[in-house]
PDB file of N, CA and C in Angstrom:
ATOM      1  N   VAL A   1      50.744   2.877  24.799  1.00  0.00           N
ATOM      2  CA  VAL A   1      50.490   2.235  26.080  1.00  0.00           C
ATOM      3  C   VAL A   1      50.545   3.322  27.150  1.00  0.00           C
ATOM      4  N   LEU A   2      49.552   3.330  28.006  1.00  0.00           N
ATOM      5  CA  LEU A   2      49.535   4.306  29.089  1.00  0.00           C
ATOM      6  C   LEU A   2      50.799   4.205  29.927  1.00  0.00           C
ATOM      7  N   HIS A   3      51.262   5.349  30.397  1.00  0.00           N
ATOM      8  CA  HIS A   3      52.521   5.419  31.141  1.00  0.00           C
ATOM      9  C   HIS A   3      52.588   4.407  32.296  1.00  0.00           C
ATOM     10  N   ILE A   4      51.502   4.245  33.038  1.00  0.00           N
ATOM     11  CA  ILE A   4      51.532   3.342  34.201  1.00  0.00           C
ATOM     12  C   ILE A   4      51.680   1.873  33.812  1.00  0.00           C
ATOM     13  N   TYR A   5      51.430   1.553  32.538  1.00  0.00           N
ATOM     14  CA  TYR A   5      51.538   0.163  32.084  1.00  0.00           C
ATOM     15  C   TYR A   5      52.784  -0.089  31.233  1.00  0.00           C
ATOM     16  N   ARG A   6      53.622   0.918  31.065  1.00  0.00           N
ATOM     17  CA  ARG A   6      54.820   0.755  30.243  1.00  0.00           C
ATOM     18  C   ARG A   6      55.864  -0.098  30.950  1.00  0.00           C
ATOM     19  N   ARG A   7      56.808  -0.601  30.154  1.00  0.00           N
ATOM     20  CA  ARG A   7      57.922  -1.427  30.642  1.00  0.00           C
ATOM     21  C   ARG A   7      57.449  -2.766  31.192  1.00  0.00           C
ATOM     22  N   GLN A   8      56.284  -3.237  30.698  1.00  0.00           N
ATOM     23  CA  GLN A   8      55.749  -4.525  31.131  1.00  0.00           C
ATOM     24  C   GLN A   8      55.576  -5.491  29.959  1.00  0.00           C
ATOM     25  N   GLY A   9      56.038  -5.084  28.781  1.00  0.00           N
ATOM     26  CA  GLY A   9      55.952  -5.952  27.614  1.00  0.00           C
ATOM     27  C   GLY A   9      54.675  -5.809  26.801  1.00  0.00           C
ATOM     28  N   LEU A  10      53.796  -4.894  27.193  1.00  0.00           N
ATOM     29  CA  LEU A  10      52.526  -4.756  26.476  1.00  0.00           C
ATOM     30  C   LEU A  10      52.716  -4.210  25.064  1.00  0.00           C
ATOM     31  N   GLY A  11      53.584  -3.224  24.912  1.00  0.00           N
ATOM     32  CA  GLY A  11      53.854  -2.679  23.582  1.00  0.00           C
ATOM     33  C   GLY A  11      54.426  -3.736  22.657  1.00  0.00           C
ATOM     34  N   THR A  12      55.321  -4.544  23.181  1.00  0.00           N
ATOM     35  CA  THR A  12      55.911  -5.629  22.398  1.00  0.00           C
ATOM     36  C   THR A  12      54.845  -6.633  21.981  1.00  0.00           C
ATOM     37  N   LEU A  13      53.942  -6.967  22.896  1.00  0.00           N
ATOM     38  CA  LEU A  13      52.847  -7.885  22.564  1.00  0.00           C
ATOM     39  C   LEU A  13      51.931  -7.300  21.497  1.00  0.00           C
ATOM     40  N   LEU A  14      51.597  -6.017  21.632  1.00  0.00           N
ATOM     41  CA  LEU A  14      50.729  -5.364  20.647  1.00  0.00           C
ATOM     42  C   LEU A  14      51.393  -5.304  19.277  1.00  0.00           C
ATOM     43  N   LEU A  15      52.668  -4.930  19.244  1.00  0.00           N
ATOM     44  CA  LEU A  15      53.387  -4.854  17.978  1.00  0.00           C
ATOM     45  C   LEU A  15      53.513  -6.232  17.343  1.00  0.00           C
ATOM     46  N   SER A  16      53.784  -7.239  18.147  1.00  0.00           N
ATOM     47  CA  SER A  16      53.883  -8.608  17.645  1.00  0.00           C
ATOM     48  C   SER A  16      52.552  -9.079  17.070  1.00  0.00           C
ATOM     49  N   ALA A  17      51.462  -8.769  17.757  1.00  0.00           N
ATOM     50  CA  ALA A  17      50.133  -9.149  17.261  1.00  0.00           C
ATOM     51  C   ALA A  17      49.841  -8.451  15.936  1.00  0.00           C
ATOM     52  N   ALA A  18      50.223  -7.179  15.825  1.00  0.00           N
ATOM     53  CA  ALA A  18      50.012  -6.447  14.573  1.00  0.00           C
ATOM     54  C   ALA A  18      50.845  -7.057  13.449  1.00  0.00           C
ATOM     55  N   GLU A  19      52.087  -7.424  13.749  1.00  0.00           N
ATOM     56  CA  GLU A  19      52.945  -8.059  12.748  1.00  0.00           C
ATOM     57  C   GLU A  19      52.359  -9.388  12.292  1.00  0.00           C
ATOM     58  N   GLN A  20      51.899 -10.206  13.226  1.00  0.00           N
ATOM     59  CA  GLN A  20      51.315 -11.503  12.875  1.00  0.00           C
ATOM     60  C   GLN A  20      50.053 -11.334  12.045  1.00  0.00           C
ATOM     61  N   TRP A  21      49.231 -10.344  12.397  1.00  0.00           N
ATOM     62  CA  TRP A  21      48.019 -10.068  11.620  1.00  0.00           C
ATOM     63  C   TRP A  21      48.408  -9.678  10.199  1.00  0.00           C
ATOM     64  N   GLY A  22      49.436  -8.825  10.079  1.00  0.00           N
ATOM     65  CA  GLY A  22      49.889  -8.397   8.760  1.00  0.00           C
ATOM     66  C   GLY A  22      50.398  -9.554   7.925  1.00  0.00           C
ATOM     67  N   ILE A  23      51.207 -10.411   8.515  1.00  0.00           N
ATOM     68  CA  ILE A  23      51.719 -11.584   7.804  1.00  0.00           C
ATOM     69  C   ILE A  23      50.569 -12.465   7.339  1.00  0.00           C
ATOM     70  N   LYS A  24      49.628 -12.704   8.233  1.00  0.00           N
ATOM     71  CA  LYS A  24      48.480 -13.553   7.914  1.00  0.00           C
ATOM     72  C   LYS A  24      47.652 -12.974   6.772  1.00  0.00           C
ATOM     73  N   ASN A  25      47.632 -11.658   6.657  1.00  0.00           N
ATOM     74  CA  ASN A  25      46.819 -10.986   5.654  1.00  0.00           C
ATOM     75  C   ASN A  25      47.616 -10.486   4.455  1.00  0.00           C
ATOM     76  N   GLY A  26      48.839 -10.984   4.296  1.00  0.00           N
ATOM     77  CA  GLY A  26      49.621 -10.715   3.099  1.00  0.00           C
ATOM     78  C   GLY A  26      50.354  -9.383   3.055  1.00  0.00           C
ATOM     79  N   CYS A  27      50.491  -8.714   4.174  1.00  0.00           N
ATOM     80  CA  CYS A  27      51.218  -7.439   4.195  1.00  0.00           C
ATOM     81  C   CYS A  27      52.712  -7.690   4.013  1.00  0.00           C
ATOM     82  N   LYS A  28      53.353  -6.828   3.275  1.00  0.00           N
ATOM     83  CA  LYS A  28      54.793  -6.950   3.031  1.00  0.00           C
ATOM     84  C   LYS A  28      55.607  -5.996   3.903  1.00  0.00           C
ATOM     85  N   THR A  29      55.001  -4.907   4.351  1.00  0.00           N
ATOM     86  CA  THR A  29      55.698  -3.936   5.191  1.00  0.00           C
ATOM     87  C   THR A  29      54.764  -3.445   6.291  1.00  0.00           C
ATOM     88  N   ILE A  30      55.378  -2.904   7.319  1.00  0.00           N
ATOM     89  CA  ILE A  30      54.642  -2.258   8.404  1.00  0.00           C
ATOM     90  C   ILE A  30      55.163  -0.837   8.500  1.00  0.00           C
ATOM     91  N   GLU A  31      54.264   0.115   8.565  1.00  0.00           N
ATOM     92  CA  GLU A  31      54.642   1.521   8.686  1.00  0.00           C
ATOM     93  C   GLU A  31      54.060   2.083   9.970  1.00  0.00           C
ATOM     94  N   VAL A  32      54.888   2.753  10.725  1.00  0.00           N
ATOM     95  CA  VAL A  32      54.459   3.381  11.971  1.00  0.00           C
ATOM     96  C   VAL A  32      54.679   4.880  11.831  1.00  0.00           C
ATOM     97  N   THR A  33      53.689   5.649  12.186  1.00  0.00           N
ATOM     98  CA  THR A  33      53.817   7.101  12.204  1.00  0.00           C
ATOM     99  C   THR A  33      53.854   7.552  13.654  1.00  0.00           C
ATOM    100  N   GLY A  34      54.858   8.310  13.997  1.00  0.00           N
ATOM    101  CA  GLY A  34      54.995   8.786  15.369  1.00  0.00           C
ATOM    102  C   GLY A  34      55.506  10.209  15.391  1.00  0.00           C
ATOM    103  N   GLN A  35      55.756  10.695  16.568  1.00  0.00           N
ATOM    104  CA  GLN A  35      56.275  12.044  16.740  1.00  0.00           C
ATOM    105  C   GLN A  35      57.742  11.979  17.130  1.00  0.00           C
ATOM    106  N   MET A  36      58.567  12.777  16.442  1.00  0.00           N
ATOM    107  CA  MET A  36      60.002  12.782  16.721  1.00  0.00           C
ATOM    108  C   MET A  36      60.286  13.155  18.171  1.00  0.00           C
ATOM    109  N   GLN A  37      59.437  13.980  18.760  1.00  0.00           N
ATOM    110  CA  GLN A  37      59.643  14.409  20.137  1.00  0.00           C
ATOM    111  C   GLN A  37      59.406  13.276  21.126  1.00  0.00           C
ATOM    112  N   ASN A  38      58.704  12.243  20.709  1.00  0.00           N
ATOM    113  CA  ASN A  38      58.418  11.110  21.583  1.00  0.00           C
ATOM    114  C   ASN A  38      59.584  10.125  21.494  1.00  0.00           C
ATOM    115  N   ARG A  39      60.673  10.501  22.129  1.00  0.00           N
ATOM    116  CA  ARG A  39      61.909   9.714  22.051  1.00  0.00           C
ATOM    117  C   ARG A  39      61.723   8.287  22.566  1.00  0.00           C
ATOM    118  N   GLU A  40      60.916   8.129  23.604  1.00  0.00           N
ATOM    119  CA  GLU A  40      60.701   6.792  24.173  1.00  0.00           C
ATOM    120  C   GLU A  40      60.061   5.864  23.141  1.00  0.00           C
ATOM    121  N   ALA A  41      59.067   6.367  22.413  1.00  0.00           N
ATOM    122  CA  ALA A  41      58.413   5.556  21.382  1.00  0.00           C
ATOM    123  C   ALA A  41      59.383   5.255  20.243  1.00  0.00           C
ATOM    124  N   CYS A  42      60.161   6.256  19.837  1.00  0.00           N
ATOM    125  CA  CYS A  42      61.136   6.034  18.765  1.00  0.00           C
ATOM    126  C   CYS A  42      62.137   4.953  19.154  1.00  0.00           C
ATOM    127  N   ARG A  43      62.633   5.007  20.382  1.00  0.00           N
ATOM    128  CA  ARG A  43      63.574   3.977  20.855  1.00  0.00           C
ATOM    129  C   ARG A  43      62.910   2.601  20.863  1.00  0.00           C
ATOM    130  N   PHE A  44      61.637   2.555  21.277  1.00  0.00           N
ATOM    131  CA  PHE A  44      60.914   1.282  21.297  1.00  0.00           C
ATOM    132  C   PHE A  44      60.823   0.698  19.889  1.00  0.00           C
ATOM    133  N   TYR A  45      60.400   1.511  18.921  1.00  0.00           N
ATOM    134  CA  TYR A  45      60.268   1.007  17.553  1.00  0.00           C
ATOM    135  C   TYR A  45      61.618   0.551  17.007  1.00  0.00           C
ATOM    136  N   GLU A  46      62.664   1.325  17.249  1.00  0.00           N
ATOM    137  CA  GLU A  46      63.990   0.940  16.758  1.00  0.00           C
ATOM    138  C   GLU A  46      64.482  -0.331  17.439  1.00  0.00           C
ATOM    139  N   SER A  47      64.229  -0.479  18.728  1.00  0.00           N
ATOM    140  CA  SER A  47      64.658  -1.697  19.429  1.00  0.00           C
ATOM    141  C   SER A  47      63.853  -2.913  18.983  1.00  0.00           C
ATOM    142  N   SER A  48      62.714  -2.655  18.329  1.00  0.00           N
ATOM    143  CA  SER A  48      61.880  -3.738  17.804  1.00  0.00           C
ATOM    144  C   SER A  48      62.264  -4.104  16.379  1.00  0.00           C
ATOM    145  N   GLY A  49      63.338  -3.489  15.865  1.00  0.00           N
ATOM    146  CA  GLY A  49      63.831  -3.832  14.538  1.00  0.00           C
ATOM    147  C   GLY A  49      63.378  -2.901  13.432  1.00  0.00           C
ATOM    148  N   MET A  50      62.640  -1.857  13.772  1.00  0.00           N
ATOM    149  CA  MET A  50      62.191  -0.903  12.758  1.00  0.00           C
ATOM    150  C   MET A  50      63.267   0.144  12.549  1.00  0.00           C
ATOM    151  N   GLU A  51      63.198   0.819  11.401  1.00  0.00           N
ATOM    152  CA  GLU A  51      64.158   1.869  11.120  1.00  0.00           C
ATOM    153  C   GLU A  51      63.430   3.117  10.642  1.00  0.00           C
ATOM    154  N   ILE A  52      64.011   4.262  10.955  1.00  0.00           N
ATOM    155  CA  ILE A  52      63.440   5.535  10.512  1.00  0.00           C
ATOM    156  C   ILE A  52      63.757   5.701   9.038  1.00  0.00           C
ATOM    157  N   THR A  53      62.712   5.919   8.231  1.00  0.00           N
ATOM    158  CA  THR A  53      62.905   6.097   6.793  1.00  0.00           C
ATOM    159  C   THR A  53      62.481   7.475   6.320  1.00  0.00           C
ATOM    160  N   LEU A  54      61.739   8.208   7.147  1.00  0.00           N
ATOM    161  CA  LEU A  54      61.261   9.528   6.748  1.00  0.00           C
ATOM    162  C   LEU A  54      61.024  10.368   7.991  1.00  0.00           C
ATOM    163  N   LEU A  55      61.518  11.593   7.958  1.00  0.00           N
ATOM    164  CA  LEU A  55      61.233  12.563   9.010  1.00  0.00           C
ATOM    165  C   LEU A  55      60.534  13.747   8.359  1.00  0.00           C
ATOM    166  N   GLN A  56      59.436  14.171   8.940  1.00  0.00           N
ATOM    167  CA  GLN A  56      58.749  15.339   8.410  1.00  0.00           C
ATOM    168  C   GLN A  56      57.998  16.027   9.537  1.00  0.00           C
ATOM    169  N   ASN A  57      57.801  17.319   9.372  1.00  0.00           N
ATOM    170  CA  ASN A  57      57.033  18.081  10.342  1.00  0.00           C
ATOM    171  C   ASN A  57      55.574  18.076   9.923  1.00  0.00           C
ATOM    172  N   ALA A  58      54.703  17.975  10.898  1.00  0.00           N
ATOM    173  CA  ALA A  58      53.267  17.988  10.618  1.00  0.00           C
ATOM    174  C   ALA A  58      52.593  18.929  11.600  1.00  0.00           C
ATOM    175  N   LEU A  59      51.586  19.591  11.135  1.00  0.00           N
ATOM    176  CA  LEU A  59      50.806  20.483  11.979  1.00  0.00           C
ATOM    177  C   LEU A  59      49.446  19.848  12.189  1.00  0.00           C
ATOM    178  N   HIS A  60      49.096  19.641  13.438  1.00  0.00           N
ATOM    179  CA  HIS A  60      47.804  19.058  13.770  1.00  0.00           C
ATOM    180  C   HIS A  60      46.932  20.138  14.383  1.00  0.00           C
ATOM    181  N   VAL A  61      45.721  20.251  13.908  1.00  0.00           N
ATOM    182  CA  VAL A  61      44.763  21.191  14.468  1.00  0.00           C
ATOM    183  C   VAL A  61      43.573  20.386  14.955  1.00  0.00           C
ATOM    184  N   TRP A  62      43.338  20.415  16.248  1.00  0.00           N
ATOM    185  CA  TRP A  62      42.229  19.682  16.836  1.00  0.00           C
ATOM    186  C   TRP A  62      41.026  20.603  16.924  1.00  0.00           C
ATOM    187  N   ILE A  63      39.918  20.181  16.342  1.00  0.00           N
ATOM    188  CA  ILE A  63      38.702  21.010  16.396  1.00  0.00           C
ATOM    189  C   ILE A  63      37.564  20.251  17.030  1.00  0.00           C
TER     190      ILE A  63
END
């Protein structure tokens, strides 16, 4: 969610919609990939009931 729209419940609505879509389509788990440096996103996911199960470093090269 763009910074200017944060703290308005949009992320929660998006995550809830994704969860409902997954349930409707038979998904058993939801996996989110994020960046450890993005502490705000990590806190959001954890406050939404998710837990960190894997930490790894990744190198991204944009071409």
